[in-house]
Amino acid sequence: MRIITRPDFDGIVCAVLILEAENISSSVKWVAPSDMQQGKIDIRHGDIIANLPYHPDCSLWFDHHFSNRIRHKVKGLFEIAPSAAGLVFKYYQSKLQKRDFTKLVTETDKIDSANLSLNEILTPEKFPYILLSMTIQDHVPADELYWNKVLDLLRNKDIETILSDTEVRERSETVIQENESYRALLEKHTQLVEGVAISDFRGLDNMPYGNRFLVYSMFPEAVVSVKIGFENPGKEKVVVKVGHSILNRNCRVNIGQMLSYFEGGGHKGVGACRFPAQKADEYLPIIIDILRENEPEGSIVVKIHRRDQDRRHNRDRRKNAPPYPTPEGMPEKRKNERRSNSEQRKGWKKTNTWQSIKIRL
């Protein structure tokens, strides 16, 4: 029996709870969601998967991501919830009697659902669980020893003792310093386009990381943010991270559903995708279009098909075409082309007015 989870704060807390409830001696297997989606992970009978896409060979599955929902019943628990750890806690509550994990799970719900105040965004050092979560970098495989250390600390120590640990304290100090540097990079590389804060870091050698909520305090008019960068210095893959603003909650796009069409996924309010760099010119304009138009989830499929058709014909029918991000920066706006009255789009039907209809893939 193994625990298969992702190395973010939610995934680590899932592992804490499962280890307390089950008799498991093997080490936790830390996995990236994209590797699960692409079938790169060997899943066996007896495995418990948490905070990751479902695999039919597992014995238990816990998840809360909108894009990972499945239609049939499975052993474990799936719900659209603030965190996967909350679902594990709910499932195993009768077995978790040695320690009270209520506070840990409540804080995990808050962090993973980004239910933070402006004060918590700007001064994470005043909030122990938030600061600890920021020391965990799931994009650095070499940090596996640290993930295991935090897992062990959360099982056996209180939060004050954890933060006083030498390595945790050093990483916390680094996080605070990096957040200041990250603010400067956001100011330089972010542009606001019709309510969408686009941070394009493809011009840098390495994609910078920092307080992911900071952009919302710097661009209060934004309802959603898009962070773009290369996955590694080889620049073979582009990483796109999208999130609803937690200070200006007016984005109506289901992020997880949208990114599931671009080799990614996530929650309604936040998600990510990774794809080959050569697909950036195809994918990024559609993603930006959907976010800029800010319409409910039902028309996402229509927009994807519509923009794909427009691109094939080298035209842009929008009244206010936004500049599309490229590695070289933000180009000038394109000239608009009007659609003739007789021209009918795929995925549209004409009644007395133009109405979008959902396309089944």
Protein backbone atom coordinates (compact mmCIF):
# COMPACT_ATOMS: atom_id res chain seq x y z
CA MET A 1 0.00 0.00 0.00
CA ARG A 2 1.31 3.44 -0.98
CA ILE A 3 0.17 7.04 -0.75
CA ILE A 4 0.32 8.85 -4.10
CA THR A 5 -0.12 12.60 -3.79
CA ARG A 6 1.24 15.91 -5.06
CA PRO A 7 3.88 17.87 -3.14
CA ASP A 8 1.93 20.99 -2.26
CA PHE A 9 0.63 21.91 1.19
CA ASP A 10 -2.74 20.26 0.57
CA GLY A 11 -1.09 17.06 -0.67
CA ILE A 12 1.27 16.91 2.31
CA VAL A 13 -1.62 17.31 4.76
CA CYS A 14 -3.50 14.56 2.90
CA ALA A 15 -0.50 12.28 3.48
CA VAL A 16 -0.38 13.26 7.18
CA LEU A 17 -4.00 12.23 7.69
CA ILE A 18 -3.81 9.00 5.68
CA LEU A 19 -0.69 7.87 7.52
CA GLU A 20 -2.45 8.47 10.83
CA ALA A 21 -5.49 6.44 9.72
CA GLU A 22 -3.87 3.59 7.78
CA ASN A 23 -1.05 1.16 8.53
CA ILE A 24 1.39 2.17 5.78
CA SER A 25 5.12 1.58 5.97
CA SER A 26 6.22 2.60 2.46
CA SER A 27 7.35 6.12 1.61
CA VAL A 28 4.96 8.64 0.08
CA LYS A 29 5.23 8.87 -3.70
CA TRP A 30 5.19 12.52 -4.76
CA VAL A 31 3.69 13.04 -8.21
CA ALA A 32 2.93 15.97 -10.51
CA PRO A 33 -0.68 16.10 -11.79
CA SER A 34 0.51 16.31 -15.40
CA ASP A 35 2.41 13.02 -15.02
CA MET A 36 -0.81 11.35 -13.82
CA GLN A 37 -2.76 12.82 -16.73
CA GLN A 38 -0.19 11.54 -19.22
CA GLY A 39 -0.12 8.00 -17.75
CA LYS A 40 3.51 8.19 -16.64
CA ILE A 41 2.87 6.84 -13.12
CA ASP A 42 2.67 3.14 -12.30
CA ILE A 43 -0.41 2.75 -10.09
CA ARG A 44 -1.00 -0.55 -8.31
CA HIS A 45 -3.80 -2.22 -6.41
CA GLY A 46 -3.70 -0.97 -2.83
CA ASP A 47 -2.50 2.53 -3.71
CA ILE A 48 -4.29 5.53 -2.19
CA ILE A 49 -4.35 8.56 -4.48
CA ALA A 50 -5.01 12.01 -3.01
CA ASN A 51 -5.20 15.47 -4.60
CA LEU A 52 -4.48 14.02 -8.06
CA PRO A 53 -6.46 12.75 -11.08
CA TYR A 54 -8.18 9.37 -10.72
CA HIS A 55 -6.55 6.11 -11.84
CA PRO A 56 -8.65 2.93 -12.20
CA ASP A 57 -6.01 0.70 -10.58
CA CYS A 58 -6.00 2.50 -7.23
CA SER A 59 -7.91 1.26 -4.18
CA LEU A 60 -8.91 4.65 -2.72
CA TRP A 61 -9.12 8.09 -4.31
CA PHE A 62 -9.60 11.51 -2.74
CA ASP A 63 -9.85 14.68 -4.81
CA HIS A 64 -11.66 18.01 -5.10
CA HIS A 65 -10.55 19.42 -8.47
CA PHE A 66 -13.38 20.29 -10.86
CA SER A 67 -11.42 19.07 -13.89
CA ASN A 68 -10.80 15.64 -12.29
CA ARG A 69 -14.43 14.73 -11.63
CA ILE A 70 -15.62 11.35 -12.95
CA ARG A 71 -19.10 10.02 -13.59
CA HIS A 72 -18.97 6.64 -11.85
CA LYS A 73 -18.71 5.86 -8.14
CA VAL A 74 -15.31 4.97 -6.70
CA LYS A 75 -13.95 4.00 -3.30
CA GLY A 76 -12.82 7.05 -1.42
CA LEU A 77 -14.37 10.51 -1.73
CA PHE A 78 -14.70 13.15 -4.42
CA GLU A 79 -16.41 16.47 -3.84
CA ILE A 80 -15.93 20.03 -5.02
CA ALA A 81 -14.45 21.26 -1.76
CA PRO A 82 -11.90 23.78 -0.42
CA SER A 83 -9.20 21.11 -0.12
CA ALA A 84 -8.53 17.43 -0.68
CA ALA A 85 -7.26 17.21 2.90
CA GLY A 86 -10.72 18.19 4.10
CA LEU A 87 -12.18 15.20 2.24
CA VAL A 88 -9.57 12.82 3.68
CA PHE A 89 -10.36 14.19 7.15
CA LYS A 90 -14.08 13.67 6.58
CA TYR A 91 -13.56 10.08 5.35
CA TYR A 92 -11.22 9.01 8.15
CA GLN A 93 -12.54 11.12 11.02
CA SER A 94 -13.48 8.13 13.18
CA LYS A 95 -9.90 6.83 12.92
CA LEU A 96 -8.19 10.13 13.73
CA GLN A 97 -8.53 10.08 17.49
CA LYS A 98 -4.91 10.34 18.68
CA ARG A 99 -4.57 14.01 17.74
CA ASP A 100 -6.95 16.82 16.89
CA PHE A 101 -6.26 17.79 13.26
CA THR A 102 -9.18 20.23 13.01
CA LYS A 103 -7.01 23.36 13.04
CA LEU A 104 -4.59 21.94 10.45
CA VAL A 105 -7.43 20.98 8.10
CA THR A 106 -9.20 24.33 8.57
CA GLU A 107 -6.01 26.19 7.66
CA THR A 108 -5.44 23.89 4.67
CA ASP A 109 -8.97 24.62 3.43
CA LYS A 110 -8.26 28.33 3.71
CA ILE A 111 -4.90 28.18 1.93
CA ASP A 112 -5.86 25.84 -0.89
CA SER A 113 -9.08 27.70 -1.65
CA ALA A 114 -7.23 31.06 -1.48
CA ASN A 115 -9.69 32.42 1.05
CA LEU A 116 -7.23 35.04 2.31
CA SER A 117 -7.48 38.62 3.44
CA LEU A 118 -5.36 41.49 2.12
CA ASN A 119 -3.39 41.46 5.38
CA GLU A 120 -2.63 37.74 4.97
CA ILE A 121 -1.46 38.34 1.40
CA LEU A 122 0.86 41.23 2.25
CA THR A 123 2.24 39.91 5.55
CA PRO A 124 2.27 36.08 5.40
CA GLU A 125 5.01 36.05 8.06
CA LYS A 126 2.32 36.94 10.64
CA PHE A 127 0.30 33.81 9.82
CA PRO A 128 2.19 30.58 10.62
CA TYR A 129 0.36 28.10 8.39
CA ILE A 130 0.38 30.43 5.40
CA LEU A 131 4.11 31.04 5.80
CA LEU A 132 4.82 27.31 6.15
CA SER A 133 2.82 26.56 2.98
CA MET A 134 4.95 29.08 1.05
CA THR A 135 8.14 27.22 1.92
CA ILE A 136 6.93 24.20 -0.08
CA GLN A 137 7.93 24.39 -3.74
CA ASP A 138 6.26 21.60 -5.69
CA HIS A 139 8.17 22.47 -8.90
CA VAL A 140 11.56 21.52 -7.41
CA PRO A 141 12.01 17.70 -7.39
CA ALA A 142 15.21 18.07 -5.36
CA ASP A 143 13.04 19.25 -2.44
CA GLU A 144 11.63 15.76 -1.80
CA LEU A 145 13.58 15.47 1.47
CA TYR A 146 12.00 18.71 2.64
CA TRP A 147 8.49 17.55 1.71
CA ASN A 148 9.04 14.41 3.78
CA LYS A 149 10.40 16.49 6.65
CA VAL A 150 7.36 18.79 6.72
CA LEU A 151 5.14 15.70 6.58
CA ASP A 152 6.87 14.25 9.64
CA LEU A 153 6.80 17.56 11.51
CA LEU A 154 3.08 18.06 10.91
CA ARG A 155 2.40 14.56 12.26
CA ASN A 156 4.33 15.09 15.47
CA LYS A 157 4.80 18.79 16.28
CA ASP A 158 2.74 21.93 16.81
CA ILE A 159 3.06 24.83 14.36
CA GLU A 160 5.26 26.97 16.61
CA THR A 161 7.77 24.12 17.02
CA ILE A 162 7.71 23.47 13.27
CA LEU A 163 8.53 27.10 12.43
CA SER A 164 11.41 27.08 14.92
CA ASP A 165 13.08 24.16 13.10
CA THR A 166 16.34 25.41 11.59
CA GLU A 167 15.61 24.45 7.98
CA VAL A 168 12.00 25.65 8.11
CA ARG A 169 13.09 28.95 9.67
CA GLU A 170 15.74 29.49 6.97
CA ARG A 171 13.27 28.72 4.20
CA SER A 172 10.71 31.06 5.78
CA GLU A 173 13.25 33.89 5.80
CA THR A 174 14.06 33.14 2.15
CA VAL A 175 10.36 33.24 1.25
CA ILE A 176 9.98 36.71 2.77
CA GLN A 177 13.00 37.99 0.83
CA GLU A 178 11.87 36.37 -2.42
CA ASN A 179 8.44 37.95 -2.13
CA GLU A 180 10.03 41.40 -2.30
CA SER A 181 12.00 40.43 -5.42
CA TYR A 182 8.89 38.88 -6.92
CA ARG A 183 6.98 42.12 -6.47
CA ALA A 184 9.57 43.95 -8.59
CA LEU A 185 9.35 41.30 -11.33
CA LEU A 186 5.56 41.53 -11.36
CA GLU A 187 5.73 45.29 -11.81
CA LYS A 188 8.09 44.89 -14.77
CA HIS A 189 6.49 41.94 -16.58
CA THR A 190 2.74 42.31 -15.90
CA GLN A 191 0.22 44.13 -18.06
CA LEU A 192 -3.46 44.60 -17.37
CA VAL A 193 -5.65 43.75 -20.38
CA GLU A 194 -9.38 44.26 -19.83
CA GLY A 195 -9.43 42.86 -16.32
CA VAL A 196 -6.80 40.19 -17.01
CA ALA A 197 -3.39 40.61 -15.33
CA ILE A 198 -0.92 38.89 -17.69
CA SER A 199 2.53 38.18 -16.23
CA ASP A 200 4.72 36.91 -19.05
CA PHE A 201 8.09 35.68 -17.77
CA ARG A 202 9.22 33.89 -20.93
CA GLY A 203 11.90 36.52 -21.44
CA LEU A 204 13.65 35.35 -18.25
CA ASP A 205 16.01 32.39 -17.96
CA ASN A 206 13.95 30.90 -15.13
CA MET A 207 10.30 31.32 -14.24
CA PRO A 208 10.19 33.25 -10.94
CA TYR A 209 8.14 32.08 -7.99
CA GLY A 210 6.76 34.01 -5.06
CA ASN A 211 3.56 34.91 -3.27
CA ARG A 212 0.95 33.93 -5.87
CA PHE A 213 -1.64 36.28 -4.38
CA LEU A 214 0.56 39.37 -4.52
CA VAL A 215 -0.48 40.25 -8.07
CA TYR A 216 -4.07 40.85 -6.92
CA SER A 217 -3.02 43.50 -4.42
CA MET A 218 -0.87 45.21 -7.08
CA PHE A 219 -3.56 45.14 -9.79
CA PRO A 220 -6.89 45.57 -7.93
CA GLU A 221 -8.79 46.11 -11.21
CA ALA A 222 -7.89 42.56 -12.34
CA VAL A 223 -10.49 39.84 -11.87
CA VAL A 224 -8.11 37.09 -12.97
CA SER A 225 -4.36 36.58 -13.38
CA VAL A 226 -2.36 34.63 -15.96
CA LYS A 227 1.25 33.68 -15.25
CA ILE A 228 3.27 32.44 -18.24
CA GLY A 229 6.78 31.05 -18.29
CA PHE A 230 9.02 28.23 -19.46
CA GLU A 231 9.10 25.09 -17.34
CA ASN A 232 12.91 24.88 -17.43
CA PRO A 233 15.90 26.62 -19.08
CA GLY A 234 15.58 24.29 -22.08
CA LYS A 235 12.32 26.10 -22.94
CA GLU A 236 10.67 22.95 -24.35
CA LYS A 237 7.45 23.46 -22.37
CA VAL A 238 5.36 26.46 -21.40
CA VAL A 239 3.64 26.63 -18.01
CA VAL A 240 0.48 28.69 -17.65
CA LYS A 241 -1.07 29.34 -14.23
CA VAL A 242 -4.46 31.05 -14.00
CA GLY A 243 -6.37 32.20 -10.95
CA HIS A 244 -9.40 34.26 -9.98
CA SER A 245 -8.54 37.37 -7.99
CA ILE A 246 -9.29 36.80 -4.32
CA LEU A 247 -9.79 40.55 -3.81
CA ASN A 248 -11.93 41.35 -6.88
CA ARG A 249 -14.18 38.30 -7.16
CA ASN A 250 -15.87 39.05 -10.47
CA CYS A 251 -14.37 36.42 -12.78
CA ARG A 252 -17.09 34.09 -14.08
CA VAL A 253 -14.88 31.66 -16.02
CA ASN A 254 -14.46 28.13 -14.67
CA ILE A 255 -10.65 27.93 -14.77
CA GLY A 256 -10.36 24.17 -14.28
CA GLN A 257 -12.85 23.45 -17.05
CA MET A 258 -11.16 25.89 -19.42
CA LEU A 259 -7.63 24.56 -18.86
CA SER A 260 -8.76 20.96 -19.30
CA TYR A 261 -8.87 21.80 -23.04
CA PHE A 262 -5.22 22.88 -22.92
CA GLU A 263 -3.55 19.83 -21.35
CA GLY A 264 -4.22 21.01 -17.81
CA GLY A 265 -6.97 21.41 -15.25
CA GLY A 266 -7.75 22.63 -11.76
CA HIS A 267 -10.52 24.15 -9.69
CA LYS A 268 -13.24 26.58 -10.64
CA GLY A 269 -11.08 29.44 -9.38
CA VAL A 270 -7.51 28.32 -10.09
CA GLY A 271 -5.64 25.94 -12.35
CA ALA A 272 -2.57 25.32 -14.48
CA CYS A 273 -1.49 23.69 -17.72
CA ARG A 274 1.77 22.63 -19.35
CA PHE A 275 2.21 22.17 -23.07
CA PRO A 276 4.97 22.11 -25.72
CA ALA A 277 6.34 25.57 -26.47
CA GLN A 278 5.33 25.34 -30.13
CA LYS A 279 1.66 25.28 -29.08
CA ALA A 280 1.86 28.62 -27.27
CA ASP A 281 0.82 30.67 -30.30
CA GLU A 282 -2.26 28.47 -30.63
CA TYR A 283 -3.26 28.11 -26.97
CA LEU A 284 -2.48 31.46 -25.36
CA PRO A 285 -4.73 33.67 -27.54
CA ILE A 286 -7.72 31.41 -26.84
CA ILE A 287 -7.06 31.40 -23.08
CA ILE A 288 -6.73 35.18 -23.02
CA ASP A 289 -9.89 35.59 -25.15
CA ILE A 290 -11.98 33.46 -22.80
CA LEU A 291 -10.74 35.32 -19.72
CA ARG A 292 -11.14 38.73 -21.32
CA GLU A 293 -14.72 38.06 -22.39
CA ASN A 294 -15.43 36.73 -18.87
CA GLU A 295 -18.54 34.74 -19.66
CA PRO A 296 -19.93 31.75 -17.72
CA GLU A 297 -18.57 28.26 -18.29
CA GLY A 298 -21.29 27.09 -20.69
CA SER A 299 -19.79 28.94 -23.66
CA ILE A 300 -16.16 27.87 -23.20
CA VAL A 301 -16.36 25.05 -25.74
CA VAL A 302 -17.96 27.36 -28.28
CA LYS A 303 -15.22 29.94 -27.85
CA ILE A 304 -12.49 27.35 -28.29
CA HIS A 305 -13.97 26.13 -31.57
CA ARG A 306 -14.76 29.65 -32.73
CA ARG A 307 -11.25 30.98 -32.07
CA ASP A 308 -9.71 27.91 -33.72
CA GLN A 309 -11.76 28.59 -36.85
CA ASP A 310 -10.83 32.30 -36.79
CA ARG A 311 -7.15 31.47 -36.57
CA ARG A 312 -7.29 29.09 -39.50
CA HIS A 313 -8.75 31.93 -41.58
CA ASN A 314 -6.34 34.51 -40.11
CA ARG A 315 -9.05 36.82 -38.85
CA ASP A 316 -10.18 38.35 -35.61
CA ARG A 317 -13.87 39.16 -35.30
CA ARG A 318 -13.82 40.82 -31.90
CA LYS A 319 -14.66 44.50 -31.51
CA ASN A 320 -11.77 45.06 -29.10
CA ALA A 321 -8.96 42.63 -29.85
CA PRO A 322 -6.46 42.46 -26.96
CA PRO A 323 -2.73 42.27 -27.55
CA TYR A 324 -1.58 38.67 -27.34
CA PRO A 325 1.44 37.79 -25.21
CA THR A 326 4.57 36.57 -26.98
CA PRO A 327 8.08 35.82 -25.68
CA GLU A 328 9.19 39.21 -27.07
CA GLY A 329 6.50 41.15 -25.23
CA MET A 330 3.06 42.55 -25.95
CA PRO A 331 2.55 43.44 -29.65
CA GLU A 332 0.26 46.08 -31.07
CA LYS A 333 -3.44 45.33 -31.25
CA ARG A 334 -4.62 43.59 -34.38
CA LYS A 335 -6.99 45.23 -36.81
CA ASN A 336 -10.53 44.00 -36.52
CA GLU A 337 -12.42 42.34 -39.32
CA ARG A 338 -16.18 42.46 -39.47
CA ARG A 339 -18.22 39.33 -39.99
CA SER A 340 -20.72 39.57 -42.82
CA ASN A 341 -24.39 38.99 -41.98
CA SER A 342 -24.46 35.85 -44.11
CA GLU A 343 -21.39 34.28 -42.50
CA GLN A 344 -22.31 31.65 -39.93
CA ARG A 345 -19.84 30.39 -37.36
CA LYS A 346 -19.38 26.78 -36.33
CA GLY A 347 -21.07 26.36 -32.97
CA TRP A 348 -23.55 29.18 -33.55
CA LYS A 349 -27.13 29.22 -34.75
CA LYS A 350 -29.22 32.09 -36.01
CA THR A 351 -32.62 32.81 -34.54
CA ASN A 352 -33.71 36.40 -34.06
CA THR A 353 -30.32 37.02 -32.45
CA TRP A 354 -26.97 35.26 -32.40
CA GLN A 355 -26.84 32.68 -29.60
CA SER A 356 -23.99 30.45 -28.49
CA ILE A 357 -24.70 26.72 -28.32
CA LYS A 358 -22.62 24.06 -26.65
CA ILE A 359 -20.64 21.71 -28.89
CA ARG A 360 -20.19 18.11 -27.81
CA LEU A 361 -16.64 16.88 -28.33
